[in-house]
PDB file of N, CA and C in Angstrom:
ATOM      1  N   MET A   1      27.781 215.014  -1.381  1.00  0.00           N
ATOM      2  CA  MET A   1      27.181 214.947  -0.068  1.00  0.00           C
ATOM      3  C   MET A   1      27.553 213.625   0.614  1.00  0.00           C
ATOM      4  N   PHE A   2      26.990 212.500   0.177  1.00  0.00           N
ATOM      5  CA  PHE A   2      27.354 211.189   0.715  1.00  0.00           C
ATOM      6  C   PHE A   2      28.183 210.451  -0.322  1.00  0.00           C
ATOM      7  N   GLU A   3      29.172 209.722   0.149  1.00  0.00           N
ATOM      8  CA  GLU A   3      29.832 208.781  -0.747  1.00  0.00           C
ATOM      9  C   GLU A   3      28.994 207.510  -0.763  1.00  0.00           C
ATOM     10  N   PHE A   4      29.282 206.628  -1.706  1.00  0.00           N
ATOM     11  CA  PHE A   4      28.424 205.460  -1.899  1.00  0.00           C
ATOM     12  C   PHE A   4      28.413 204.558  -0.666  1.00  0.00           C
ATOM     13  N   ASP A   5      29.560 204.336  -0.027  1.00  0.00           N
ATOM     14  CA  ASP A   5      29.592 203.459   1.149  1.00  0.00           C
ATOM     15  C   ASP A   5      28.868 204.085   2.333  1.00  0.00           C
ATOM     16  N   GLN A   6      28.917 205.421   2.439  1.00  0.00           N
ATOM     17  CA  GLN A   6      28.155 206.081   3.500  1.00  0.00           C
ATOM     18  C   GLN A   6      26.654 205.953   3.240  1.00  0.00           C
ATOM     19  N   TYR A   7      26.280 206.047   1.990  1.00  0.00           N
ATOM     20  CA  TYR A   7      24.880 205.896   1.611  1.00  0.00           C
ATOM     21  C   TYR A   7      24.387 204.485   1.948  1.00  0.00           C
ATOM     22  N   LEU A   8      25.196 203.457   1.647  1.00  0.00           N
ATOM     23  CA  LEU A   8      24.809 202.083   1.975  1.00  0.00           C
ATOM     24  C   LEU A   8      24.728 201.883   3.487  1.00  0.00           C
ATOM     25  N   GLY A   9      25.641 202.474   4.224  1.00  0.00           N
ATOM     26  CA  GLY A   9      25.597 202.384   5.681  1.00  0.00           C
ATOM     27  C   GLY A   9      24.353 203.034   6.239  1.00  0.00           C
ATOM     28  N   PHE A  10      23.999 204.184   5.683  1.00  0.00           N
ATOM     29  CA  PHE A  10      22.787 204.869   6.119  1.00  0.00           C
ATOM     30  C   PHE A  10      21.547 204.037   5.823  1.00  0.00           C
ATOM     31  N   LEU A  11      21.505 203.421   4.640  1.00  0.00           N
ATOM     32  CA  LEU A  11      20.370 202.557   4.297  1.00  0.00           C
ATOM     33  C   LEU A  11      20.307 201.338   5.208  1.00  0.00           C
ATOM     34  N   ALA A  12      21.468 200.764   5.537  1.00  0.00           N
ATOM     35  CA  ALA A  12      21.489 199.615   6.457  1.00  0.00           C
ATOM     36  C   ALA A  12      20.981 200.038   7.832  1.00  0.00           C
ATOM     37  N   PHE A  13      21.399 201.213   8.289  1.00  0.00           N
ATOM     38  CA  PHE A  13      20.924 201.722   9.583  1.00  0.00           C
ATOM     39  C   PHE A  13      19.409 201.909   9.573  1.00  0.00           C
ATOM     40  N   LEU A  14      18.890 202.527   8.528  1.00  0.00           N
ATOM     41  CA  LEU A  14      17.435 202.725   8.439  1.00  0.00           C
ATOM     42  C   LEU A  14      16.689 201.398   8.381  1.00  0.00           C
ATOM     43  N   THR A  15      17.241 200.428   7.676  1.00  0.00           N
ATOM     44  CA  THR A  15      16.608 199.109   7.580  1.00  0.00           C
ATOM     45  C   THR A  15      16.552 198.445   8.951  1.00  0.00           C
ATOM     46  N   ILE A  16      17.657 198.446   9.675  1.00  0.00           N
ATOM     47  CA  ILE A  16      17.695 197.822  10.999  1.00  0.00           C
ATOM     48  C   ILE A  16      16.764 198.553  11.963  1.00  0.00           C
ATOM     49  N   LEU A  17      16.763 199.868  11.899  1.00  0.00           N
ATOM     50  CA  LEU A  17      15.875 200.662  12.761  1.00  0.00           C
ATOM     51  C   LEU A  17      14.410 200.352  12.470  1.00  0.00           C
ATOM     52  N   THR A  18      14.061 200.271  11.189  1.00  0.00           N
ATOM     53  CA  THR A  18      12.670 199.988  10.807  1.00  0.00           C
ATOM     54  C   THR A  18      12.267 198.573  11.212  1.00  0.00           C
ATOM     55  N   LEU A  19      13.155 197.596  11.008  1.00  0.00           N
ATOM     56  CA  LEU A  19      12.849 196.226  11.412  1.00  0.00           C
ATOM     57  C   LEU A  19      12.639 196.140  12.923  1.00  0.00           C
ATOM     58  N   GLY A  20      13.473 196.845  13.685  1.00  0.00           N
ATOM     59  CA  GLY A  20      13.312 196.863  15.133  1.00  0.00           C
ATOM     60  C   GLY A  20      11.997 197.497  15.557  1.00  0.00           C
ATOM     61  N   PHE A  21      11.625 198.572  14.871  1.00  0.00           N
ATOM     62  CA  PHE A  21      10.364 199.239  15.184  1.00  0.00           C
ATOM     63  C   PHE A  21       9.178 198.307  14.945  1.00  0.00           C
ATOM     64  N   TRP A  22       9.149 197.643  13.795  1.00  0.00           N
ATOM     65  CA  TRP A  22       8.018 196.770  13.491  1.00  0.00           C
ATOM     66  C   TRP A  22       8.013 195.530  14.375  1.00  0.00           C
ATOM     67  N   LEU A  23       9.190 195.047  14.759  1.00  0.00           N
ATOM     68  CA  LEU A  23       9.248 193.925  15.693  1.00  0.00           C
ATOM     69  C   LEU A  23       8.672 194.331  17.043  1.00  0.00           C
ATOM     70  N   MET A  24       8.995 195.544  17.501  1.00  0.00           N
ATOM     71  CA  MET A  24       8.456 196.033  18.759  1.00  0.00           C
ATOM     72  C   MET A  24       6.930 196.155  18.681  1.00  0.00           C
ATOM     73  N   ILE A  25       6.421 196.681  17.580  1.00  0.00           N
ATOM     74  CA  ILE A  25       4.964 196.799  17.409  1.00  0.00           C
ATOM     75  C   ILE A  25       4.322 195.416  17.420  1.00  0.00           C
ATOM     76  N   PHE A  26       4.913 194.449  16.716  1.00  0.00           N
ATOM     77  CA  PHE A  26       4.384 193.088  16.690  1.00  0.00           C
ATOM     78  C   PHE A  26       4.355 192.486  18.095  1.00  0.00           C
ATOM     79  N   LEU A  27       5.450 192.636  18.835  1.00  0.00           N
ATOM     80  CA  LEU A  27       5.511 192.059  20.175  1.00  0.00           C
ATOM     81  C   LEU A  27       4.484 192.700  21.101  1.00  0.00           C
ATOM     82  N   LEU A  28       4.311 194.000  21.005  1.00  0.00           N
ATOM     83  CA  LEU A  28       3.368 194.684  21.886  1.00  0.00           C
ATOM     84  C   LEU A  28       1.919 194.365  21.559  1.00  0.00           C
ATOM     85  N   THR A  29       1.622 194.086  20.298  1.00  0.00           N
ATOM     86  CA  THR A  29       0.223 193.879  19.928  1.00  0.00           C
ATOM     87  C   THR A  29      -0.208 192.418  19.927  1.00  0.00           C
ATOM     88  N   PHE A  30       0.711 191.477  19.730  1.00  0.00           N
ATOM     89  CA  PHE A  30       0.323 190.078  19.638  1.00  0.00           C
ATOM     90  C   PHE A  30       0.938 189.199  20.720  1.00  0.00           C
ATOM     91  N   VAL A  31       2.225 189.230  20.864  1.00  0.00           N
ATOM     92  CA  VAL A  31       2.916 188.263  21.705  1.00  0.00           C
ATOM     93  C   VAL A  31       2.682 188.534  23.184  1.00  0.00           C
ATOM     94  N   ILE A  32       2.819 189.772  23.616  1.00  0.00           N
ATOM     95  CA  ILE A  32       2.681 190.070  25.046  1.00  0.00           C
ATOM     96  C   ILE A  32       1.251 189.844  25.537  1.00  0.00           C
ATOM     97  N   PRO A  33       0.202 190.315  24.835  1.00  0.00           N
ATOM     98  CA  PRO A  33      -1.157 189.988  25.299  1.00  0.00           C
ATOM     99  C   PRO A  33      -1.430 188.481  25.311  1.00  0.00           C
ATOM    100  N   TYR A  34      -0.881 187.737  24.341  1.00  0.00           N
ATOM    101  CA  TYR A  34      -1.046 186.291  24.312  1.00  0.00           C
ATOM    102  C   TYR A  34      -0.395 185.662  25.548  1.00  0.00           C
ATOM    103  N   TRP A  35       0.781 186.131  25.895  1.00  0.00           N
ATOM    104  CA  TRP A  35       1.506 185.626  27.060  1.00  0.00           C
ATOM    105  C   TRP A  35       0.751 185.944  28.358  1.00  0.00           C
ATOM    106  N   ILE A  36       0.253 187.176  28.460  1.00  0.00           N
ATOM    107  CA  ILE A  36      -0.485 187.571  29.662  1.00  0.00           C
ATOM    108  C   ILE A  36      -1.786 186.768  29.775  1.00  0.00           C
ATOM    109  N   GLY A  37      -2.498 186.609  28.669  1.00  0.00           N
ATOM    110  CA  GLY A  37      -3.740 185.838  28.682  1.00  0.00           C
ATOM    111  C   GLY A  37      -3.503 184.394  29.078  1.00  0.00           C
ATOM    112  N   GLY A  38      -2.464 183.782  28.539  1.00  0.00           N
ATOM    113  CA  GLY A  38      -2.142 182.403  28.902  1.00  0.00           C
ATOM    114  C   GLY A  38      -1.776 182.273  30.368  1.00  0.00           C
ATOM    115  N   SER A  39      -1.042 183.247  30.885  1.00  0.00           N
ATOM    116  CA  SER A  39      -0.674 183.223  32.304  1.00  0.00           C
ATOM    117  C   SER A  39      -1.903 183.332  33.193  1.00  0.00           C
ATOM    118  N   LEU A  40      -2.824 184.197  32.816  1.00  0.00           N
ATOM    119  CA  LEU A  40      -4.048 184.349  33.604  1.00  0.00           C
ATOM    120  C   LEU A  40      -4.884 183.072  33.577  1.00  0.00           C
ATOM    121  N   ILE A  41      -5.004 182.450  32.428  1.00  0.00           N
ATOM    122  CA  ILE A  41      -5.778 181.210  32.320  1.00  0.00           C
ATOM    123  C   ILE A  41      -5.152 180.114  33.184  1.00  0.00           C
ATOM    124  N   GLU A  42      -3.819 179.994  33.125  1.00  0.00           N
ATOM    125  CA  GLU A  42      -3.140 178.985  33.951  1.00  0.00           C
ATOM    126  C   GLU A  42      -3.321 179.274  35.438  1.00  0.00           C
ATOM    127  N   ARG A  43      -3.275 180.535  35.837  1.00  0.00           N
ATOM    128  CA  ARG A  43      -3.451 180.897  37.250  1.00  0.00           C
ATOM    129  C   ARG A  43      -4.869 180.575  37.714  1.00  0.00           C
ATOM    130  N   ILE A  44      -5.851 180.861  36.872  1.00  0.00           N
ATOM    131  CA  ILE A  44      -7.240 180.549  37.222  1.00  0.00           C
ATOM    132  C   ILE A  44      -7.417 179.042  37.385  1.00  0.00           C
ATOM    133  N   LYS A  45      -6.794 178.249  36.498  1.00  0.00           N
ATOM    134  CA  LYS A  45      -6.876 176.790  36.616  1.00  0.00           C
ATOM    135  C   LYS A  45      -6.239 176.312  37.915  1.00  0.00           C
ATOM    136  N   GLU A  46      -5.097 176.900  38.297  1.00  0.00           N
ATOM    137  CA  GLU A  46      -4.441 176.509  39.547  1.00  0.00           C
ATOM    138  C   GLU A  46      -5.325 176.830  40.752  1.00  0.00           C
ATOM    139  N   ILE A  47      -5.936 178.000  40.751  1.00  0.00           N
ATOM    140  CA  ILE A  47      -6.809 178.387  41.869  1.00  0.00           C
ATOM    141  C   ILE A  47      -8.010 177.459  41.936  1.00  0.00           C
ATOM    142  N   ARG A  48      -8.600 177.158  40.785  1.00  0.00           N
ATOM    143  CA  ARG A  48      -9.758 176.270  40.738  1.00  0.00           C
ATOM    144  C   ARG A  48      -9.399 174.866  41.225  1.00  0.00           C
ATOM    145  N   ASP A  49      -8.236 174.363  40.806  1.00  0.00           N
ATOM    146  CA  ASP A  49      -7.798 173.036  41.248  1.00  0.00           C
ATOM    147  C   ASP A  49      -7.501 173.013  42.749  1.00  0.00           C
ATOM    148  N   ALA A  50      -6.939 174.099  43.263  1.00  0.00           N
ATOM    149  CA  ALA A  50      -6.641 174.175  44.699  1.00  0.00           C
ATOM    150  C   ALA A  50      -7.932 174.176  45.511  1.00  0.00           C
ATOM    151  N   ARG A  51      -8.924 174.936  45.043  1.00  0.00           N
ATOM    152  CA  ARG A  51     -10.220 174.948  45.738  1.00  0.00           C
ATOM    153  C   ARG A  51     -10.879 173.574  45.698  1.00  0.00           C
ATOM    154  N   LYS A  52     -10.791 172.923  44.540  1.00  0.00           N
ATOM    155  CA  LYS A  52     -11.388 171.600  44.402  1.00  0.00           C
ATOM    156  C   LYS A  52     -10.704 170.585  45.313  1.00  0.00           C
ATOM    157  N   ALA A  53      -9.362 170.642  45.398  1.00  0.00           N
ATOM    158  CA  ALA A  53      -8.623 169.733  46.263  1.00  0.00           C
ATOM    159  C   ALA A  53      -8.931 170.002  47.733  1.00  0.00           C
ATOM    160  N   LYS A  54      -9.088 171.262  48.091  1.00  0.00           N
ATOM    161  CA  LYS A  54      -9.394 171.621  49.478  1.00  0.00           C
ATOM    162  C   LYS A  54     -10.808 171.145  49.844  1.00  0.00           C
ATOM    163  N   ARG A  55     -11.733 171.275  48.917  1.00  0.00           N
ATOM    164  CA  ARG A  55     -13.099 170.872  49.170  1.00  0.00           C
ATOM    165  C   ARG A  55     -13.221 169.343  49.270  1.00  0.00           C
ATOM    166  N   ASP A  56     -12.441 168.617  48.446  1.00  0.00           N
ATOM    167  CA  ASP A  56     -12.513 167.162  48.444  1.00  0.00           C
ATOM    168  C   ASP A  56     -11.853 166.540  49.671  1.00  0.00           C
ATOM    169  N   SER A  57     -10.871 167.226  50.270  1.00  0.00           N
ATOM    170  CA  SER A  57     -10.173 166.610  51.389  1.00  0.00           C
ATOM    171  C   SER A  57     -10.821 166.914  52.724  1.00  0.00           C
TER     172      SER A  57
END
């Protein structure tokens, strides 16, 4: 059915595919929400500082 080099190629393909899948899951569950949360916090700080500067002047 498969020769040995084809079998190794198939295993390498499955390994790369699986690593990509788990990397995508990791990015979607941890990194992207962290990035969005940090962006929102920074935006809120900018708005608060702008209001404070406007009120003080």
